[in-house]
Amino acid sequence: KGMNLEDFKFIYWMEYAHRMWGRALGFVFAVPFAYFVAKGYVTRQLGVRLSALFALGGAQGLIGWWMVKSGLEV
């Protein structure tokens, strides 16, 4: 069974919403983190740990992009 246009639209909008949700989470994490770092509320040890969490989130997005790219046929 092939995919019809409605199936494609559903997948497309679900993936788009998923991508926007990930970006929003990154923004919601990064902005307060930068603020608290700038104000001096974050210790060095906590800053390293929070930076690692942020990097893991970015890596997850990168791996998702890589998975989609590897499945595309040109």
PDB file of N, CA and C in Angstrom:
ATOM      1  N   LYS A   1       0.858  -1.186   0.000  1.00  0.00           N
ATOM      2  CA  LYS A   1       0.000   0.000   0.000  1.00  0.00           C
ATOM      3  C   LYS A   1       0.894   1.237   0.000  1.00  0.00           C
ATOM      4  N   GLY A   2       0.623   2.147  -0.878  1.00  0.00           N
ATOM      5  CA  GLY A   2       1.394   3.382  -0.956  1.00  0.00           C
ATOM      6  C   GLY A   2       0.843   4.439  -0.011  1.00  0.00           C
ATOM      7  N   MET A   3       1.535   5.543   0.036  1.00  0.00           N
ATOM      8  CA  MET A   3       1.120   6.649   0.895  1.00  0.00           C
ATOM      9  C   MET A   3       0.320   7.647   0.065  1.00  0.00           C
ATOM     10  N   ASN A   4      -0.827   8.034   0.576  1.00  0.00           N
ATOM     11  CA  ASN A   4      -1.600   9.050  -0.131  1.00  0.00           C
ATOM     12  C   ASN A   4      -1.233  10.435   0.414  1.00  0.00           C
ATOM     13  N   LEU A   5      -1.779  11.464  -0.181  1.00  0.00           N
ATOM     14  CA  LEU A   5      -1.430  12.835   0.185  1.00  0.00           C
ATOM     15  C   LEU A   5      -1.798  13.163   1.626  1.00  0.00           C
ATOM     16  N   GLU A   6      -2.934  12.659   2.082  1.00  0.00           N
ATOM     17  CA  GLU A   6      -3.343  12.937   3.470  1.00  0.00           C
ATOM     18  C   GLU A   6      -2.388  12.296   4.474  1.00  0.00           C
ATOM     19  N   ASP A   7      -1.921  11.082   4.182  1.00  0.00           N
ATOM     20  CA  ASP A   7      -0.929  10.432   5.054  1.00  0.00           C
ATOM     21  C   ASP A   7       0.351  11.246   5.100  1.00  0.00           C
ATOM     22  N   PHE A   8       0.796  11.712   3.944  1.00  0.00           N
ATOM     23  CA  PHE A   8       2.009  12.515   3.874  1.00  0.00           C
ATOM     24  C   PHE A   8       1.853  13.815   4.668  1.00  0.00           C
ATOM     25  N   LYS A   9       0.726  14.472   4.500  1.00  0.00           N
ATOM     26  CA  LYS A   9       0.493  15.729   5.224  1.00  0.00           C
ATOM     27  C   LYS A   9       0.511  15.509   6.730  1.00  0.00           C
ATOM     28  N   PHE A  10      -0.080  14.415   7.186  1.00  0.00           N
ATOM     29  CA  PHE A  10      -0.094  14.121   8.610  1.00  0.00           C
ATOM     30  C   PHE A  10       1.329  13.936   9.133  1.00  0.00           C
ATOM     31  N   ILE A  11       2.115  13.120   8.447  1.00  0.00           N
ATOM     32  CA  ILE A  11       3.496  12.886   8.871  1.00  0.00           C
ATOM     33  C   ILE A  11       4.297  14.180   8.825  1.00  0.00           C
ATOM     34  N   TYR A  12       4.120  14.948   7.753  1.00  0.00           N
ATOM     35  CA  TYR A  12       4.855  16.201   7.602  1.00  0.00           C
ATOM     36  C   TYR A  12       4.571  17.143   8.773  1.00  0.00           C
ATOM     37  N   TRP A  13       3.305  17.346   9.109  1.00  0.00           N
ATOM     38  CA  TRP A  13       2.963  18.290  10.178  1.00  0.00           C
ATOM     39  C   TRP A  13       3.339  17.766  11.552  1.00  0.00           C
ATOM     40  N   MET A  14       3.285  16.451  11.748  1.00  0.00           N
ATOM     41  CA  MET A  14       3.749  15.884  13.019  1.00  0.00           C
ATOM     42  C   MET A  14       5.247  16.106  13.180  1.00  0.00           C
ATOM     43  N   GLU A  15       6.007  15.870  12.129  1.00  0.00           N
ATOM     44  CA  GLU A  15       7.462  16.081  12.189  1.00  0.00           C
ATOM     45  C   GLU A  15       7.799  17.562  12.361  1.00  0.00           C
ATOM     46  N   TYR A  16       7.059  18.422  11.681  1.00  0.00           N
ATOM     47  CA  TYR A  16       7.287  19.859  11.811  1.00  0.00           C
ATOM     48  C   TYR A  16       7.022  20.315  13.248  1.00  0.00           C
ATOM     49  N   ALA A  17       5.907  19.871  13.826  1.00  0.00           N
ATOM     50  CA  ALA A  17       5.573  20.231  15.209  1.00  0.00           C
ATOM     51  C   ALA A  17       6.632  19.687  16.172  1.00  0.00           C
ATOM     52  N   HIS A  18       7.103  18.485  15.913  1.00  0.00           N
ATOM     53  CA  HIS A  18       8.136  17.869  16.745  1.00  0.00           C
ATOM     54  C   HIS A  18       9.426  18.687  16.699  1.00  0.00           C
ATOM     55  N   ARG A  19       9.804  19.127  15.505  1.00  0.00           N
ATOM     56  CA  ARG A  19      11.012  19.948  15.333  1.00  0.00           C
ATOM     57  C   ARG A  19      10.860  21.304  16.046  1.00  0.00           C
ATOM     58  N   MET A  20       9.702  21.920  15.911  1.00  0.00           N
ATOM     59  CA  MET A  20       9.476  23.210  16.568  1.00  0.00           C
ATOM     60  C   MET A  20       9.449  23.053  18.088  1.00  0.00           C
ATOM     61  N   TRP A  21       8.889  21.956  18.586  1.00  0.00           N
ATOM     62  CA  TRP A  21       8.863  21.676  20.018  1.00  0.00           C
ATOM     63  C   TRP A  21      10.293  21.543  20.549  1.00  0.00           C
ATOM     64  N   GLY A  22      11.139  20.835  19.822  1.00  0.00           N
ATOM     65  CA  GLY A  22      12.539  20.692  20.225  1.00  0.00           C
ATOM     66  C   GLY A  22      13.262  22.023  20.264  1.00  0.00           C
ATOM     67  N   ARG A  23      13.041  22.840  19.266  1.00  0.00           N
ATOM     68  CA  ARG A  23      13.677  24.163  19.238  1.00  0.00           C
ATOM     69  C   ARG A  23      13.176  25.036  20.377  1.00  0.00           C
ATOM     70  N   ALA A  24      11.884  24.960  20.661  1.00  0.00           N
ATOM     71  CA  ALA A  24      11.318  25.749  21.761  1.00  0.00           C
ATOM     72  C   ALA A  24      11.910  25.310  23.095  1.00  0.00           C
ATOM     73  N   LEU A  25      12.058  24.001  23.291  1.00  0.00           N
ATOM     74  CA  LEU A  25      12.662  23.513  24.528  1.00  0.00           C
ATOM     75  C   LEU A  25      14.100  23.998  24.671  1.00  0.00           C
ATOM     76  N   GLY A  26      14.842  23.980  23.575  1.00  0.00           N
ATOM     77  CA  GLY A  26      16.207  24.489  23.601  1.00  0.00           C
ATOM     78  C   GLY A  26      16.248  25.968  23.980  1.00  0.00           C
ATOM     79  N   PHE A  27      15.336  26.732  23.420  1.00  0.00           N
ATOM     80  CA  PHE A  27      15.254  28.165  23.714  1.00  0.00           C
ATOM     81  C   PHE A  27      14.878  28.401  25.175  1.00  0.00           C
ATOM     82  N   VAL A  28      13.880  27.652  25.646  1.00  0.00           N
ATOM     83  CA  VAL A  28      13.414  27.797  27.031  1.00  0.00           C
ATOM     84  C   VAL A  28      14.517  27.402  28.027  1.00  0.00           C
ATOM     85  N   PHE A  29      15.388  26.518  27.629  1.00  0.00           N
ATOM     86  CA  PHE A  29      16.528  26.130  28.475  1.00  0.00           C
ATOM     87  C   PHE A  29      17.646  27.168  28.384  1.00  0.00           C
ATOM     88  N   ALA A  30      18.000  27.572  27.165  1.00  0.00           N
ATOM     89  CA  ALA A  30      19.181  28.402  26.943  1.00  0.00           C
ATOM     90  C   ALA A  30      19.031  29.825  27.471  1.00  0.00           C
ATOM     91  N   VAL A  31      17.870  30.426  27.303  1.00  0.00           N
ATOM     92  CA  VAL A  31      17.703  31.828  27.707  1.00  0.00           C
ATOM     93  C   VAL A  31      17.841  32.013  29.228  1.00  0.00           C
ATOM     94  N   PRO A  32      17.100  31.265  30.043  1.00  0.00           N
ATOM     95  CA  PRO A  32      17.294  31.420  31.488  1.00  0.00           C
ATOM     96  C   PRO A  32      18.701  31.004  31.939  1.00  0.00           C
ATOM     97  N   PHE A  33      19.248  29.984  31.309  1.00  0.00           N
ATOM     98  CA  PHE A  33      20.602  29.543  31.651  1.00  0.00           C
ATOM     99  C   PHE A  33      21.596  30.677  31.415  1.00  0.00           C
ATOM    100  N   ALA A  34      21.512  31.314  30.253  1.00  0.00           N
ATOM    101  CA  ALA A  34      22.408  32.433  29.950  1.00  0.00           C
ATOM    102  C   ALA A  34      22.196  33.576  30.940  1.00  0.00           C
ATOM    103  N   TYR A  35      20.966  33.848  31.295  1.00  0.00           N
ATOM    104  CA  TYR A  35      20.669  34.916  32.250  1.00  0.00           C
ATOM    105  C   TYR A  35      21.304  34.619  33.610  1.00  0.00           C
ATOM    106  N   PHE A  36      21.094  33.401  34.111  1.00  0.00           N
ATOM    107  CA  PHE A  36      21.617  33.049  35.427  1.00  0.00           C
ATOM    108  C   PHE A  36      23.142  32.973  35.436  1.00  0.00           C
ATOM    109  N   VAL A  37      23.723  32.557  34.325  1.00  0.00           N
ATOM    110  CA  VAL A  37      25.190  32.563  34.225  1.00  0.00           C
ATOM    111  C   VAL A  37      25.696  34.004  34.255  1.00  0.00           C
ATOM    112  N   ALA A  38      25.045  34.887  33.490  1.00  0.00           N
ATOM    113  CA  ALA A  38      25.466  36.286  33.432  1.00  0.00           C
ATOM    114  C   ALA A  38      25.337  36.979  34.790  1.00  0.00           C
ATOM    115  N   LYS A  39      24.326  36.599  35.553  1.00  0.00           N
ATOM    116  CA  LYS A  39      24.125  37.188  36.878  1.00  0.00           C
ATOM    117  C   LYS A  39      25.040  36.576  37.937  1.00  0.00           C
ATOM    118  N   GLY A  40      25.718  35.482  37.593  1.00  0.00           N
ATOM    119  CA  GLY A  40      26.632  34.857  38.531  1.00  0.00           C
ATOM    120  C   GLY A  40      25.971  33.891  39.501  1.00  0.00           C
ATOM    121  N   TYR A  41      24.754  33.447  39.202  1.00  0.00           N
ATOM    122  CA  TYR A  41      24.039  32.534  40.086  1.00  0.00           C
ATOM    123  C   TYR A  41      24.435  31.073  39.881  1.00  0.00           C
ATOM    124  N   VAL A  42      25.128  30.788  38.793  1.00  0.00           N
ATOM    125  CA  VAL A  42      25.465  29.411  38.448  1.00  0.00           C
ATOM    126  C   VAL A  42      26.936  29.169  38.778  1.00  0.00           C
ATOM    127  N   THR A  43      27.183  28.166  39.622  1.00  0.00           N
ATOM    128  CA  THR A  43      28.568  27.816  39.944  1.00  0.00           C
ATOM    129  C   THR A  43      29.218  27.165  38.725  1.00  0.00           C
ATOM    130  N   ARG A  44      30.523  27.088  38.751  1.00  0.00           N
ATOM    131  CA  ARG A  44      31.245  26.490  37.628  1.00  0.00           C
ATOM    132  C   ARG A  44      30.831  25.028  37.422  1.00  0.00           C
ATOM    133  N   GLN A  45      30.748  24.275  38.505  1.00  0.00           N
ATOM    134  CA  GLN A  45      30.384  22.860  38.403  1.00  0.00           C
ATOM    135  C   GLN A  45      28.971  22.696  37.838  1.00  0.00           C
ATOM    136  N   LEU A  46      28.034  23.495  38.326  1.00  0.00           N
ATOM    137  CA  LEU A  46      26.665  23.424  37.813  1.00  0.00           C
ATOM    138  C   LEU A  46      26.613  23.873  36.354  1.00  0.00           C
ATOM    139  N   GLY A  47      27.386  24.903  36.014  1.00  0.00           N
ATOM    140  CA  GLY A  47      27.424  25.379  34.634  1.00  0.00           C
ATOM    141  C   GLY A  47      27.916  24.315  33.673  1.00  0.00           C
ATOM    142  N   VAL A  48      28.924  23.567  34.097  1.00  0.00           N
ATOM    143  CA  VAL A  48      29.436  22.481  33.245  1.00  0.00           C
ATOM    144  C   VAL A  48      28.377  21.408  33.064  1.00  0.00           C
ATOM    145  N   ARG A  49      27.704  21.048  34.136  1.00  0.00           N
ATOM    146  CA  ARG A  49      26.667  20.014  34.052  1.00  0.00           C
ATOM    147  C   ARG A  49      25.490  20.461  33.184  1.00  0.00           C
ATOM    148  N   LEU A  50      25.059  21.704  33.370  1.00  0.00           N
ATOM    149  CA  LEU A  50      23.944  22.203  32.568  1.00  0.00           C
ATOM    150  C   LEU A  50      24.339  22.359  31.099  1.00  0.00           C
ATOM    151  N   SER A  51      25.581  22.751  30.855  1.00  0.00           N
ATOM    152  CA  SER A  51      26.065  22.844  29.474  1.00  0.00           C
ATOM    153  C   SER A  51      26.086  21.469  28.821  1.00  0.00           C
ATOM    154  N   ALA A  52      26.474  20.455  29.596  1.00  0.00           N
ATOM    155  CA  ALA A  52      26.470  19.095  29.068  1.00  0.00           C
ATOM    156  C   ALA A  52      25.054  18.654  28.732  1.00  0.00           C
ATOM    157  N   LEU A  53      24.082  18.992  29.573  1.00  0.00           N
ATOM    158  CA  LEU A  53      22.684  18.656  29.273  1.00  0.00           C
ATOM    159  C   LEU A  53      22.215  19.348  27.996  1.00  0.00           C
ATOM    160  N   PHE A  54      22.585  20.609  27.843  1.00  0.00           N
ATOM    161  CA  PHE A  54      22.211  21.355  26.645  1.00  0.00           C
ATOM    162  C   PHE A  54      22.847  20.723  25.407  1.00  0.00           C
ATOM    163  N   ALA A  55      24.117  20.324  25.529  1.00  0.00           N
ATOM    164  CA  ALA A  55      24.813  19.678  24.416  1.00  0.00           C
ATOM    165  C   ALA A  55      24.169  18.340  24.064  1.00  0.00           C
ATOM    166  N   LEU A  56      23.731  17.587  25.059  1.00  0.00           N
ATOM    167  CA  LEU A  56      23.050  16.320  24.788  1.00  0.00           C
ATOM    168  C   LEU A  56      21.744  16.548  24.030  1.00  0.00           C
ATOM    169  N   GLY A  57      21.020  17.592  24.406  1.00  0.00           N
ATOM    170  CA  GLY A  57      19.798  17.922  23.673  1.00  0.00           C
ATOM    171  C   GLY A  57      20.094  18.298  22.231  1.00  0.00           C
ATOM    172  N   GLY A  58      21.152  19.083  22.031  1.00  0.00           N
ATOM    173  CA  GLY A  58      21.560  19.435  20.670  1.00  0.00           C
ATOM    174  C   GLY A  58      22.006  18.226  19.879  1.00  0.00           C
ATOM    175  N   ALA A  59      22.725  17.312  20.544  1.00  0.00           N
ATOM    176  CA  ALA A  59      23.173  16.089  19.879  1.00  0.00           C
ATOM    177  C   ALA A  59      21.985  15.230  19.466  1.00  0.00           C
ATOM    178  N   GLN A  60      20.964  15.212  20.286  1.00  0.00           N
ATOM    179  CA  GLN A  60      19.763  14.447  19.953  1.00  0.00           C
ATOM    180  C   GLN A  60      19.121  15.012  18.678  1.00  0.00           C
ATOM    181  N   GLY A  61      19.062  16.329  18.590  1.00  0.00           N
ATOM    182  CA  GLY A  61      18.532  16.954  17.380  1.00  0.00           C
ATOM    183  C   GLY A  61      19.401  16.670  16.167  1.00  0.00           C
ATOM    184  N   LEU A  62      20.710  16.691  16.350  1.00  0.00           N
ATOM    185  CA  LEU A  62      21.638  16.406  15.254  1.00  0.00           C
ATOM    186  C   LEU A  62      21.487  14.967  14.771  1.00  0.00           C
ATOM    187  N   ILE A  63      21.355  14.041  15.688  1.00  0.00           N
ATOM    188  CA  ILE A  63      21.179  12.633  15.312  1.00  0.00           C
ATOM    189  C   ILE A  63      19.851  12.446  14.578  1.00  0.00           C
ATOM    190  N   GLY A  64      18.804  13.138  15.021  1.00  0.00           N
ATOM    191  CA  GLY A  64      17.524  13.064  14.321  1.00  0.00           C
ATOM    192  C   GLY A  64      17.633  13.581  12.900  1.00  0.00           C
ATOM    193  N   TRP A  65      18.341  14.699  12.725  1.00  0.00           N
ATOM    194  CA  TRP A  65      18.556  15.251  11.385  1.00  0.00           C
ATOM    195  C   TRP A  65      19.327  14.258  10.527  1.00  0.00           C
ATOM    196  N   TRP A  66      20.361  13.654  11.098  1.00  0.00           N
ATOM    197  CA  TRP A  66      21.197  12.692  10.383  1.00  0.00           C
ATOM    198  C   TRP A  66      20.371  11.473   9.960  1.00  0.00           C
ATOM    199  N   MET A  67      19.500  11.006  10.851  1.00  0.00           N
ATOM    200  CA  MET A  67      18.654   9.857  10.521  1.00  0.00           C
ATOM    201  C   MET A  67      17.730  10.175   9.349  1.00  0.00           C
ATOM    202  N   VAL A  68      17.122  11.349   9.370  1.00  0.00           N
ATOM    203  CA  VAL A  68      16.234  11.729   8.271  1.00  0.00           C
ATOM    204  C   VAL A  68      17.024  11.882   6.980  1.00  0.00           C
ATOM    205  N   LYS A  69      18.182  12.546   7.058  1.00  0.00           N
ATOM    206  CA  LYS A  69      19.003  12.763   5.873  1.00  0.00           C
ATOM    207  C   LYS A  69      19.458  11.439   5.269  1.00  0.00           C
ATOM    208  N   SER A  70      19.815  10.485   6.116  1.00  0.00           N
ATOM    209  CA  SER A  70      20.304   9.208   5.596  1.00  0.00           C
ATOM    210  C   SER A  70      19.203   8.409   4.909  1.00  0.00           C
ATOM    211  N   GLY A  71      17.958   8.703   5.219  1.00  0.00           N
ATOM    212  CA  GLY A  71      16.850   7.981   4.600  1.00  0.00           C
ATOM    213  C   GLY A  71      16.338   8.624   3.329  1.00  0.00           C
ATOM    214  N   LEU A  72      16.817   9.813   3.012  1.00  0.00           N
ATOM    215  CA  LEU A  72      16.342  10.499   1.806  1.00  0.00           C
ATOM    216  C   LEU A  72      17.017   9.896   0.566  1.00  0.00           C
ATOM    217  N   GLU A  73      16.254   9.704  -0.444  1.00  0.00           N
ATOM    218  CA  GLU A  73      16.784   9.220  -1.720  1.00  0.00           C
ATOM    219  C   GLU A  73      16.646  10.329  -2.740  1.00  0.00           C
ATOM    220  N   VAL A  74      17.750  10.622  -3.398  1.00  0.00           N
ATOM    221  CA  VAL A  74      17.751  11.706  -4.379  1.00  0.00           C
ATOM    222  C   VAL A  74      17.676  11.155  -5.773  1.00  0.00           C
TER     223      VAL A  74
END
